[in-house]
C-alpha atoms as a PDB file:
ATOM      1  CA  MET A   1     134.741 150.416  68.472  1.00  0.00           C
ATOM      2  CA  SER A   2     133.260 153.511  70.393  1.00  0.00           C
ATOM      3  CA  ARG A   3     134.773 154.739  73.596  1.00  0.00           C
ATOM      4  CA  ARG A   4     131.737 153.539  75.490  1.00  0.00           C
ATOM      5  CA  ASP A   5     132.265 149.903  74.300  1.00  0.00           C
ATOM      6  CA  ARG A   6     135.633 149.681  75.875  1.00  0.00           C
ATOM      7  CA  GLY A   7     136.405 147.920  79.002  1.00  0.00           C
ATOM      8  CA  ARG A   8     134.333 145.816  81.306  1.00  0.00           C
ATOM      9  CA  PRO A   9     130.777 146.757  82.251  1.00  0.00           C
ATOM     10  CA  SER A  10     130.250 148.174  85.611  1.00  0.00           C
ATOM     11  CA  LYS A  11     128.806 145.958  88.410  1.00  0.00           C
ATOM     12  CA  LEU A  12     127.041 148.880  89.768  1.00  0.00           C
ATOM     13  CA  THR A  13     123.252 148.324  89.486  1.00  0.00           C
ATOM     14  CA  PRO A  14     120.335 149.560  91.304  1.00  0.00           C
ATOM     15  CA  GLU A  15     120.052 146.263  93.221  1.00  0.00           C
ATOM     16  CA  ILE A  16     123.554 146.774  94.460  1.00  0.00           C
ATOM     17  CA  ILE A  17     122.835 150.404  95.513  1.00  0.00           C
ATOM     18  CA  GLU A  18     119.697 149.279  97.433  1.00  0.00           C
ATOM     19  CA  THR A  19     121.656 146.466  99.037  1.00  0.00           C
ATOM     20  CA  ILE A  20     124.686 148.855 100.142  1.00  0.00           C
ATOM     21  CA  GLY A  21     122.067 151.572 101.257  1.00  0.00           C
ATOM     22  CA  ARG A  22     120.338 149.040 103.454  1.00  0.00           C
ATOM     23  CA  ALA A  23     123.567 147.682 104.963  1.00  0.00           C
ATOM     24  CA  LEU A  24     124.737 151.196 105.759  1.00  0.00           C
ATOM     25  CA  ARG A  25     121.528 152.182 107.331  1.00  0.00           C
ATOM     26  CA  GLY A  26     122.078 149.056 109.660  1.00  0.00           C
ATOM     27  CA  GLY A  27     125.493 150.255 110.639  1.00  0.00           C
ATOM     28  CA  ALA A  28     127.775 148.385 108.255  1.00  0.00           C
ATOM     29  CA  TYR A  29     131.162 149.929 107.174  1.00  0.00           C
ATOM     30  CA  LEU A  30     131.701 150.521 103.483  1.00  0.00           C
ATOM     31  CA  GLU A  31     134.377 147.672 103.438  1.00  0.00           C
ATOM     32  CA  THR A  32     131.790 145.279 104.617  1.00  0.00           C
ATOM     33  CA  CYS A  33     129.421 146.515 101.966  1.00  0.00           C
ATOM     34  CA  ALA A  34     132.179 145.723  99.344  1.00  0.00           C
ATOM     35  CA  ASP A  35     132.532 142.233 100.567  1.00  0.00           C
ATOM     36  CA  LEU A  36     128.736 141.731 100.636  1.00  0.00           C
ATOM     37  CA  VAL A  37     128.183 142.595  97.057  1.00  0.00           C
ATOM     38  CA  GLY A  38     131.434 140.913  95.880  1.00  0.00           C
ATOM     39  CA  VAL A  39     133.436 144.014  94.867  1.00  0.00           C
ATOM     40  CA  SER A  40     136.749 145.385  95.909  1.00  0.00           C
ATOM     41  CA  ARG A  41     136.933 148.300  98.589  1.00  0.00           C
ATOM     42  CA  TYR A  42     138.725 150.315  95.818  1.00  0.00           C
ATOM     43  CA  THR A  43     135.631 150.043  93.656  1.00  0.00           C
ATOM     44  CA  ILE A  44     133.136 151.109  96.186  1.00  0.00           C
ATOM     45  CA  ARG A  45     135.447 154.058  96.855  1.00  0.00           C
ATOM     46  CA  ASN A  46     135.681 154.739  93.085  1.00  0.00           C
ATOM     47  CA  TRP A  47     131.972 154.675  92.533  1.00  0.00           C
ATOM     48  CA  ILE A  48     131.452 157.221  95.321  1.00  0.00           C
ATOM     49  CA  LYS A  49     134.473 159.418  93.788  1.00  0.00           C
ATOM     50  CA  ILE A  50     132.817 159.361  90.283  1.00  0.00           C
ATOM     51  CA  GLY A  51     129.374 160.222  91.705  1.00  0.00           C
ATOM     52  CA  ARG A  52     130.908 163.086  93.802  1.00  0.00           C
ATOM     53  CA  GLU A  53     132.773 164.439  90.819  1.00  0.00           C
ATOM     54  CA  GLU A  54     129.782 164.210  88.532  1.00  0.00           C
ATOM     55  CA  ILE A  55     127.644 166.259  90.909  1.00  0.00           C
ATOM     56  CA  GLU A  56     130.465 168.729  91.550  1.00  0.00           C
ATOM     57  CA  SER A  57     130.842 169.186  87.707  1.00  0.00           C
ATOM     58  CA  VAL A  58     127.072 170.021  87.203  1.00  0.00           C
ATOM     59  CA  GLU A  59     127.073 172.176  90.412  1.00  0.00           C
ATOM     60  CA  SER A  60     129.995 174.284  89.017  1.00  0.00           C
ATOM     61  CA  ARG A  61     128.017 174.594  85.839  1.00  0.00           C
ATOM     62  CA  SER A  62     130.769 173.101  83.694  1.00  0.00           C
ATOM     63  CA  ARG A  63     128.001 170.506  82.597  1.00  0.00           C
ATOM     64  CA  GLU A  64     124.289 171.299  82.303  1.00  0.00           C
ATOM     65  CA  ARG A  65     122.922 167.933  83.674  1.00  0.00           C
ATOM     66  CA  ILE A  66     124.282 164.761  84.795  1.00  0.00           C
ATOM     67  CA  ARG A  67     125.512 162.292  82.252  1.00  0.00           C
ATOM     68  CA  LYS A  68     123.469 159.264  81.639  1.00  0.00           C
ATOM     69  CA  SER A  69     126.737 157.064  81.854  1.00  0.00           C
ATOM     70  CA  LYS A  70     127.332 158.641  85.380  1.00  0.00           C
ATOM     71  CA  ALA A  71     123.765 158.528  86.684  1.00  0.00           C
ATOM     72  CA  LEU A  72     124.031 155.206  88.622  1.00  0.00           C
ATOM     73  CA  HIS A  73     127.192 156.636  90.232  1.00  0.00           C
ATOM     74  CA  VAL A  74     125.482 159.903  91.387  1.00  0.00           C
ATOM     75  CA  ASP A  75     122.483 157.725  92.807  1.00  0.00           C
ATOM     76  CA  PHE A  76     125.083 155.546  94.645  1.00  0.00           C
ATOM     77  CA  PHE A  77     126.835 158.608  95.866  1.00  0.00           C
ATOM     78  CA  ASN A  78     123.452 159.990  97.084  1.00  0.00           C
ATOM     79  CA  THR A  79     122.266 156.885  98.603  1.00  0.00           C
ATOM     80  CA  VAL A  80     125.503 156.210 100.581  1.00  0.00           C
ATOM     81  CA  ASN A  81     125.433 159.649 101.977  1.00  0.00           C
ATOM     82  CA  LYS A  82     121.687 159.516 102.934  1.00  0.00           C
ATOM     83  CA  ALA A  83     122.203 155.966 104.481  1.00  0.00           C
ATOM     84  CA  LEU A  84     125.057 157.066 106.659  1.00  0.00           C
ATOM     85  CA  ALA A  85     123.127 160.257 107.786  1.00  0.00           C
ATOM     86  CA  GLU A  86     120.197 157.863 108.616  1.00  0.00           C
ATOM     87  CA  ALA A  87     122.226 155.538 110.532  1.00  0.00           C
ATOM     88  CA  GLU A  88     124.057 158.229 112.528  1.00  0.00           C
ATOM     89  CA  ILE A  89     120.626 159.876 113.404  1.00  0.00           C
ATOM     90  CA  GLN A  90     119.198 156.417 114.496  1.00  0.00           C
ATOM     91  CA  ALA A  91     122.289 155.684 116.675  1.00  0.00           C
ATOM     92  CA  SER A  92     122.456 159.143 118.216  1.00  0.00           C
ATOM     93  CA  ALA A  93     118.902 158.840 119.189  1.00  0.00           C
ATOM     94  CA  ILE A  94     119.519 155.399 121.056  1.00  0.00           C
ATOM     95  CA  VAL A  95     122.467 157.044 122.858  1.00  0.00           C
ATOM     96  CA  LEU A  96     120.479 160.199 123.835  1.00  0.00           C
ATOM     97  CA  SER A  97     117.604 158.036 124.972  1.00  0.00           C
ATOM     98  CA  ALA A  98     119.872 155.977 127.223  1.00  0.00           C
ATOM     99  CA  ALA A  99     121.326 159.234 128.716  1.00  0.00           C
ATOM    100  CA  ALA A 100     117.845 160.501 129.226  1.00  0.00           C
ATOM    101  CA  GLY A 101     117.078 157.470 131.222  1.00  0.00           C
ATOM    102  CA  TRP A 102     114.269 154.952 131.581  1.00  0.00           C
ATOM    103  CA  ILE A 103     111.694 154.292 134.011  1.00  0.00           C
ATOM    104  CA  THR A 104     111.414 151.110 136.021  1.00  0.00           C
ATOM    105  CA  GLU A 105     108.271 150.406 138.222  1.00  0.00           C
ATOM    106  CA  LYS A 106     108.195 147.906 141.004  1.00  0.00           C
ATOM    107  CA  GLU A 107     104.951 146.763 142.405  1.00  0.00           C
ATOM    108  CA  LYS A 108     104.979 146.055 146.072  1.00  0.00           C
ATOM    109  CA  THR A 109     102.086 144.396 148.028  1.00  0.00           C
ATOM    110  CA  THR A 110     101.727 144.739 151.681  1.00  0.00           C
ATOM    111  CA  ILE A 111      99.507 142.341 153.803  1.00  0.00           C
ATOM    112  CA  LYS A 112      98.693 142.784 157.439  1.00  0.00           C
ATOM    113  CA  THR A 113      97.411 139.558 159.133  1.00  0.00           C
ATOM    114  CA  ASP A 114      96.187 138.670 162.625  1.00  0.00           C
ATOM    115  CA  ALA A 115      97.545 135.993 164.782  1.00  0.00           C
ATOM    116  CA  ALA A 116      95.458 133.403 163.040  1.00  0.00           C
ATOM    117  CA  GLY A 117      96.618 134.475 159.574  1.00  0.00           C
ATOM    118  CA  ASN A 118      93.429 136.398 158.538  1.00  0.00           C
ATOM    119  CA  ILE A 119      94.061 139.189 156.314  1.00  0.00           C
ATOM    120  CA  LEU A 120      93.376 142.469 157.947  1.00  0.00           C
ATOM    121  CA  GLU A 121      94.579 144.819 155.482  1.00  0.00           C
ATOM    122  CA  GLN A 122      96.183 144.542 152.013  1.00  0.00           C
ATOM    123  CA  SER A 123      97.727 147.531 149.900  1.00  0.00           C
ATOM    124  CA  THR A 124      99.660 147.575 146.864  1.00  0.00           C
ATOM    125  CA  THR A 125     102.060 150.385 145.960  1.00  0.00           C
ATOM    126  CA  THR A 126     104.053 151.036 142.787  1.00  0.00           C
ATOM    127  CA  GLU A 127     107.568 152.414 143.204  1.00  0.00           C
ATOM    128  CA  THR A 128     108.905 154.331 140.149  1.00  0.00           C
ATOM    129  CA  HIS A 129     112.586 154.735 139.629  1.00  0.00           C
ATOM    130  CA  LYS A 130     114.155 156.852 136.713  1.00  0.00           C
ATOM    131  CA  ARG A 131     117.487 155.491 135.750  1.00  0.00           C
ATOM    132  CA  ARG A 132     119.932 157.611 133.740  1.00  0.00           C
ATOM    133  CA  ASP A 133     123.055 156.564 132.100  1.00  0.00           C
ATOM    134  CA  TRP A 134     125.547 159.427 132.354  1.00  0.00           C
ATOM    135  CA  ARG A 135     128.247 157.403 130.463  1.00  0.00           C
ATOM    136  CA  ALA A 136     126.013 157.391 127.322  1.00  0.00           C
ATOM    137  CA  ALA A 137     125.638 161.133 127.491  1.00  0.00           C
ATOM    138  CA  LEU A 138     129.422 161.697 128.023  1.00  0.00           C
ATOM    139  CA  GLU A 139     130.310 159.328 125.183  1.00  0.00           C
ATOM    140  CA  PHE A 140     127.879 161.266 122.873  1.00  0.00           C
ATOM    141  CA  LEU A 141     129.427 164.535 123.900  1.00  0.00           C
ATOM    142  CA  ASP A 142     133.016 163.110 123.559  1.00  0.00           C
ATOM    143  CA  ARG A 143     132.217 161.952 120.136  1.00  0.00           C
ATOM    144  CA  ARG A 144     130.070 164.877 118.778  1.00  0.00           C
ATOM    145  CA  PHE A 145     132.123 167.710 120.204  1.00  0.00           C
ATOM    146  CA  PRO A 146     135.577 166.403 120.632  1.00  0.00           C
ATOM    147  CA  GLU A 147     137.097 169.860 120.805  1.00  0.00           C
ATOM    148  CA  ARG A 148     135.368 170.358 124.137  1.00  0.00           C
ATOM    149  CA  TRP A 149     134.585 166.814 125.659  1.00  0.00           C
ATOM    150  CA  ALA A 150     137.436 164.545 124.245  1.00  0.00           C
ATOM    151  CA  LYS A 151     139.670 162.807 126.768  1.00  0.00           C
ATOM    152  CA  ILE A 152     143.297 163.663 126.304  1.00  0.00           C
ATOM    153  CA  ASP A 153     145.286 160.506 127.421  1.00  0.00           C
ATOM    154  CA  ARG A 154     148.408 160.559 129.488  1.00  0.00           C
ATOM    155  CA  GLU A 155     150.462 159.212 126.340  1.00  0.00           C
ATOM    156  CA  ARG A 156     149.303 161.897 124.058  1.00  0.00           C
ATOM    157  CA  ALA A 157     150.002 164.511 126.570  1.00  0.00           C
ATOM    158  CA  ILE A 158     153.501 163.335 127.074  1.00  0.00           C
ATOM    159  CA  GLU A 159     154.270 163.108 123.320  1.00  0.00           C
ATOM    160  CA  HIS A 160     153.274 166.708 122.974  1.00  0.00           C
ATOM    161  CA  GLN A 161     155.150 167.892 125.747  1.00  0.00           C
ATOM    162  CA  THR A 162     158.245 165.957 124.525  1.00  0.00           C
ATOM    163  CA  ALA A 163     157.842 167.564 121.141  1.00  0.00           C
ATOM    164  CA  GLY A 164     157.801 170.795 122.895  1.00  0.00           C
ATOM    165  CA  GLU A 165     154.118 171.560 122.144  1.00  0.00           C
ATOM    166  CA  GLN A 166     152.217 173.258 124.789  1.00  0.00           C
ATOM    167  CA  LEU A 167     148.657 171.611 125.491  1.00  0.00           C
ATOM    168  CA  GLU A 168     145.844 173.981 126.059  1.00  0.00           C
ATOM    169  CA  PRO A 169     144.821 174.123 129.753  1.00  0.00           C
ATOM    170  CA  VAL A 170     141.357 172.778 130.618  1.00  0.00           C
ATOM    171  CA  GLU A 171     138.914 175.580 130.737  1.00  0.00           C
ATOM    172  CA  TRP A 172     135.717 175.151 132.879  1.00  0.00           C
ATOM    173  CA  ILE A 173     132.878 177.293 131.701  1.00  0.00           C
ATOM    174  CA  PHE A 174     129.546 177.605 133.749  1.00  0.00           C
ATOM    175  CA  GLU A 175     127.275 180.351 134.489  1.00  0.00           C
ATOM    176  CA  ILE A 176     126.767 181.411 138.137  1.00  0.00           C
ATOM    177  CA  PRO A 177     123.169 182.533 138.626  1.00  0.00           C
ATOM    178  CA  GLU A 178     122.589 186.018 139.795  1.00  0.00           C
ATOM    179  CA  ASN A 179     121.558 186.416 143.307  1.00  0.00           C
ATOM    180  CA  SER A 180     117.779 187.204 142.951  1.00  0.00           C
ATOM    181  CA  GLU A 181     117.307 188.913 146.336  1.00  0.00           C
END
């Protein structure tokens, strides 16, 4: 019996890779994907690890090319990374779109009549309002640039002070335009 014939065959197939990629692009967690395809969370993470190690091995030139036995793992690793990136881009576009605002239009018709109810004048105007959601922008900044925008809650600040650590003071950085006289 050769080394390849030992053990149970892998459940990793191109169909499983596609299913997990589609779920991740839709925002699912890896753990949910494991349940979806009927494998353990450990198995999913192991497939990723094997793919990453195979790529690193080829990139470090200890091996000339990807081994056939690891090709599906490499494909899985690449699919997971690409799907996660696509989901992040899609979600951040939605957040930034909400932060930029949306336009609402309201049509208003004014009718002037005489005492008998006859229409003397009729006019229609459209009011346009742009609504922005500053909370979406703040949430985006908080998560994307936590070192500058994350909230430090009171409990965490107390824990740091109790441990003798000094929290950095908040710095407000802004530019004052030069007087253009």
